[in-house]
Every structure is written in structure tokens, then in C-alpha cells.
C-alpha atoms as a PDB file:
ATOM      1  CA  MET A   1     -43.222  29.788 -23.132  1.00  0.00           C
ATOM      2  CA  GLU A   2     -39.346  28.745 -22.757  1.00  0.00           C
ATOM      3  CA  ASP A   3     -36.483  31.350 -21.674  1.00  0.00           C
ATOM      4  CA  PHE A   4     -34.514  32.463 -24.627  1.00  0.00           C
ATOM      5  CA  THR A   5     -30.756  33.370 -23.642  1.00  0.00           C
ATOM      6  CA  VAL A   6     -28.563  35.214 -26.092  1.00  0.00           C
ATOM      7  CA  THR A   7     -25.187  35.857 -25.265  1.00  0.00           C
ATOM      8  CA  VAL A   8     -22.637  38.747 -27.585  1.00  0.00           C
ATOM      9  CA  SER A   9     -18.993  39.102 -26.020  1.00  0.00           C
ATOM     10  CA  GLY A  10     -16.130  40.229 -27.855  1.00  0.00           C
ATOM     11  CA  GLU A  11     -13.902  43.438 -28.727  1.00  0.00           C
ATOM     12  CA  GLU A  12     -16.623  43.073 -32.235  1.00  0.00           C
ATOM     13  CA  ILE A  13     -21.026  43.613 -31.513  1.00  0.00           C
ATOM     14  CA  PRO A  14     -22.883  42.740 -34.584  1.00  0.00           C
ATOM     15  CA  ASP A  15     -25.618  45.589 -36.197  1.00  0.00           C
ATOM     16  CA  GLU A  16     -28.830  44.758 -35.635  1.00  0.00           C
ATOM     17  CA  SER A  17     -29.278  42.765 -38.966  1.00  0.00           C
ATOM     18  CA  ILE A  18     -27.194  40.243 -37.769  1.00  0.00           C
ATOM     19  CA  LEU A  19     -28.598  39.649 -34.344  1.00  0.00           C
ATOM     20  CA  LEU A  20     -32.002  39.566 -35.692  1.00  0.00           C
ATOM     21  CA  GLN A  21     -30.791  36.824 -38.630  1.00  0.00           C
ATOM     22  CA  ARG A  22     -29.211  34.607 -35.884  1.00  0.00           C
ATOM     23  CA  LEU A  23     -32.210  34.657 -33.235  1.00  0.00           C
ATOM     24  CA  GLN A  24     -34.616  34.054 -36.394  1.00  0.00           C
ATOM     25  CA  GLU A  25     -32.185  30.819 -37.411  1.00  0.00           C
ATOM     26  CA  ALA A  26     -32.410  29.624 -33.653  1.00  0.00           C
ATOM     27  CA  LEU A  27     -35.623  29.639 -33.211  1.00  0.00           C
ATOM     28  CA  THR A  28     -36.368  27.968 -36.493  1.00  0.00           C
ATOM     29  CA  ARG A  29     -33.832  25.343 -35.197  1.00  0.00           C
ATOM     30  CA  GLY A  30     -35.551  25.433 -31.722  1.00  0.00           C
ATOM     31  CA  THR A  31     -32.537  26.544 -29.923  1.00  0.00           C
ATOM     32  CA  THR A  32     -33.182  28.049 -26.930  1.00  0.00           C
ATOM     33  CA  ARG A  33     -29.649  29.535 -26.464  1.00  0.00           C
ATOM     34  CA  VAL A  34     -27.399  31.417 -28.897  1.00  0.00           C
ATOM     35  CA  ASN A  35     -23.753  32.960 -28.170  1.00  0.00           C
ATOM     36  CA  ILE A  36     -22.131  35.292 -30.692  1.00  0.00           C
ATOM     37  CA  ILE A  37     -18.342  35.382 -30.100  1.00  0.00           C
ATOM     38  CA  ASN A  38     -16.884  39.079 -31.782  1.00  0.00           C
ATOM     39  CA  GLY A  39     -20.006  38.763 -34.627  1.00  0.00           C
ATOM     40  CA  TYR A  40     -20.008  35.065 -34.992  1.00  0.00           C
ATOM     41  CA  VAL A  41     -22.110  32.566 -34.061  1.00  0.00           C
ATOM     42  CA  VAL A  42     -20.836  29.633 -31.766  1.00  0.00           C
ATOM     43  CA  ASP A  43     -22.863  26.891 -30.695  1.00  0.00           C
ATOM     44  CA  THR A  44     -22.053  25.129 -27.552  1.00  0.00           C
ATOM     45  CA  ASN A  45     -23.070  22.247 -25.456  1.00  0.00           C
ATOM     46  CA  SER A  46     -22.858  22.712 -21.917  1.00  0.00           C
ATOM     47  CA  SER A  47     -22.033  19.399 -21.306  1.00  0.00           C
ATOM     48  CA  VAL A  48     -19.164  19.276 -23.411  1.00  0.00           C
ATOM     49  CA  ASN A  49     -15.180  20.821 -21.872  1.00  0.00           C
ATOM     50  CA  LEU A  50     -12.459  21.836 -24.054  1.00  0.00           C
ATOM     51  CA  THR A  51      -9.538  20.597 -21.964  1.00  0.00           C
ATOM     52  CA  ILE A  52      -6.924  21.465 -24.682  1.00  0.00           C
ATOM     53  CA  GLY A  53      -7.076  24.130 -27.621  1.00  0.00           C
ATOM     54  CA  PRO A  54      -7.338  24.916 -30.408  1.00  0.00           C
ATOM     55  CA  VAL A  55      -4.149  24.483 -31.298  1.00  0.00           C
ATOM     56  CA  LEU A  56      -2.930  25.398 -34.612  1.00  0.00           C
ATOM     57  CA  GLY A  57      -1.071  23.378 -36.373  1.00  0.00           C
ATOM     58  CA  GLU A  58       0.363  23.659 -39.868  1.00  0.00           C
ATOM     59  CA  ILE A  59      -0.889  27.139 -41.824  1.00  0.00           C
ATOM     60  CA  THR A  60      -0.451  27.354 -45.370  1.00  0.00           C
ATOM     61  CA  ALA A  61      -1.650  29.983 -47.361  1.00  0.00           C
ATOM     62  CA  ASN A  62      -4.905  27.234 -48.682  1.00  0.00           C
ATOM     63  CA  LYS A  63      -4.635  24.632 -45.748  1.00  0.00           C
ATOM     64  CA  ALA A  64      -5.488  24.972 -41.860  1.00  0.00           C
ATOM     65  CA  ILE A  65      -5.189  21.844 -39.411  1.00  0.00           C
ATOM     66  CA  VAL A  66      -6.519  22.686 -35.879  1.00  0.00           C
ATOM     67  CA  MET A  67      -6.288  20.052 -32.986  1.00  0.00           C
ATOM     68  CA  ILE A  68      -8.519  19.952 -30.010  1.00  0.00           C
ATOM     69  CA  GLU A  69      -9.044  18.028 -27.103  1.00  0.00           C
ATOM     70  CA  VAL A  70     -12.693  17.304 -25.377  1.00  0.00           C
ATOM     71  CA  VAL A  71     -14.223  15.663 -22.343  1.00  0.00           C
ATOM     72  CA  GLY A  72     -17.969  15.677 -21.611  1.00  0.00           C
ATOM     73  CA  LYS A  73     -20.572  13.074 -20.212  1.00  0.00           C
ATOM     74  CA  THR A  74     -19.985  10.419 -23.363  1.00  0.00           C
ATOM     75  CA  ASP A  75     -16.517   8.808 -24.644  1.00  0.00           C
ATOM     76  CA  ILE A  76     -17.579  10.259 -28.049  1.00  0.00           C
ATOM     77  CA  ILE A  77     -18.599  13.411 -28.605  1.00  0.00           C
ATOM     78  CA  PRO A  78     -20.173  14.843 -32.270  1.00  0.00           C
ATOM     79  CA  ILE A  79     -18.090  18.137 -33.032  1.00  0.00           C
ATOM     80  CA  THR A  80     -18.501  20.440 -35.768  1.00  0.00           C
ATOM     81  CA  ALA A  81     -15.990  22.806 -36.979  1.00  0.00           C
ATOM     82  CA  LYS A  82     -16.908  25.937 -38.599  1.00  0.00           C
ATOM     83  CA  LEU A  83     -14.795  28.209 -41.042  1.00  0.00           C
ATOM     84  CA  TYR A  84     -15.911  31.588 -41.160  1.00  0.00           C
ATOM     85  CA  LYS A  85     -14.393  34.239 -44.502  1.00  0.00           C
ATOM     86  CA  GLU A  86     -12.772  37.136 -42.685  1.00  0.00           C
ATOM     87  CA  ASP A  87     -15.120  39.909 -41.883  1.00  0.00           C
ATOM     88  CA  GLU A  88     -18.175  37.406 -43.395  1.00  0.00           C
ATOM     89  CA  LYS A  89     -20.113  36.973 -40.080  1.00  0.00           C
ATOM     90  CA  GLY A  90     -22.924  35.160 -42.131  1.00  0.00           C
ATOM     91  CA  GLU A  91     -23.146  31.533 -43.225  1.00  0.00           C
ATOM     92  CA  PRO A  92     -19.601  29.587 -42.438  1.00  0.00           C
ATOM     93  CA  ILE A  93     -18.092  28.771 -45.771  1.00  0.00           C
ATOM     94  CA  GLU A  94     -17.150  25.354 -44.798  1.00  0.00           C
ATOM     95  CA  SER A  95     -18.089  23.019 -41.411  1.00  0.00           C
ATOM     96  CA  VAL A  96     -16.365  20.186 -40.628  1.00  0.00           C
ATOM     97  CA  ASP A  97     -18.619  17.208 -38.373  1.00  0.00           C
ATOM     98  CA  GLN A  98     -16.647  14.674 -36.477  1.00  0.00           C
ATOM     99  CA  ASP A  99     -17.168  12.208 -33.765  1.00  0.00           C
ATOM    100  CA  VAL A 100     -14.465  12.727 -31.556  1.00  0.00           C
ATOM    101  CA  GLN A 101     -13.179  10.366 -28.628  1.00  0.00           C
ATOM    102  CA  ALA A 102     -13.239  12.208 -25.126  1.00  0.00           C
ATOM    103  CA  LYS A 103      -9.601  13.155 -23.727  1.00  0.00           C
ATOM    104  CA  ARG A 104      -7.273  12.066 -27.266  1.00  0.00           C
ATOM    105  CA  PRO A 105      -6.366  14.616 -29.513  1.00  0.00           C
ATOM    106  CA  ALA A 106      -8.962  15.450 -32.522  1.00  0.00           C
ATOM    107  CA  ILE A 107      -7.748  17.272 -35.970  1.00  0.00           C
ATOM    108  CA  PHE A 108      -9.803  19.726 -37.713  1.00  0.00           C
ATOM    109  CA  GLN A 109      -8.174  19.929 -41.224  1.00  0.00           C
ATOM    110  CA  PHE A 110      -9.343  22.850 -43.704  1.00  0.00           C
ATOM    111  CA  GLU A 111      -8.392  22.853 -47.382  1.00  0.00           C
ATOM    112  CA  ASP A 112      -8.585  24.579 -50.673  1.00  0.00           C
ATOM    113  CA  LEU A 113      -8.666  27.848 -48.857  1.00  0.00           C
ATOM    114  CA  GLU A 114      -7.966  31.525 -50.391  1.00  0.00           C
ATOM    115  CA  PRO A 115      -4.878  33.049 -49.199  1.00  0.00           C
END
């Protein structure tokens, strides 16, 4: 049996039902580590480090642009940016997957947002 690690941090501790749901999802995926920050699940890769950002770019009533820069063990790093609805800790309302080049700015753009 492998060790299972759960890290809960931030000012907001999620209620028990959210914690159990996230643990069950992780077990289904075969993940042995779950990070929950302010109630949101944050999937991380210990071999990838954020060097710049997130930097918020243009933010309007229905669009948001976010920039990051990362380094890792490879030159191309797969990143998933997840967008959650405020105060809803369930599934993200949008996910953007992008292979980014290490040490180069990468832009994630979310559109058709609710004001």
C-alpha cells in the first residue's frame, strides 16, 4: 500500500463532503497526493517550478488573461489552468491545457465569463 498525502492550506478549510469527494477523485485517478488551497484542488508536479506569475493581464467583465513562466526537467511542460466559479469548490467551469516552453512566458486566456 502506498502512502497518501493530503495538504489543506489557506484561510478557508473546506467542509468534510468536499474533502471526501476530492480524496475519492484522487483515488480513482490513481493519484497519491492531493493539495487543497482555500477549498480548491491544486494539482502540482514537484519537478515543475513557477518562476514568474501568475501575472494578471487584461481583465474585463467576460475575459481574463493570465501569464506564467515555468521551469522543469524538460523544455516543453504540459500545464492545465483551471477556472472556478467564485464560491463553488466543485469542478472547474473551464480548463485550458497547454504545452508551454520552459523559461518563456505562457498566456492562458479565459473567455465568455460571467460578470
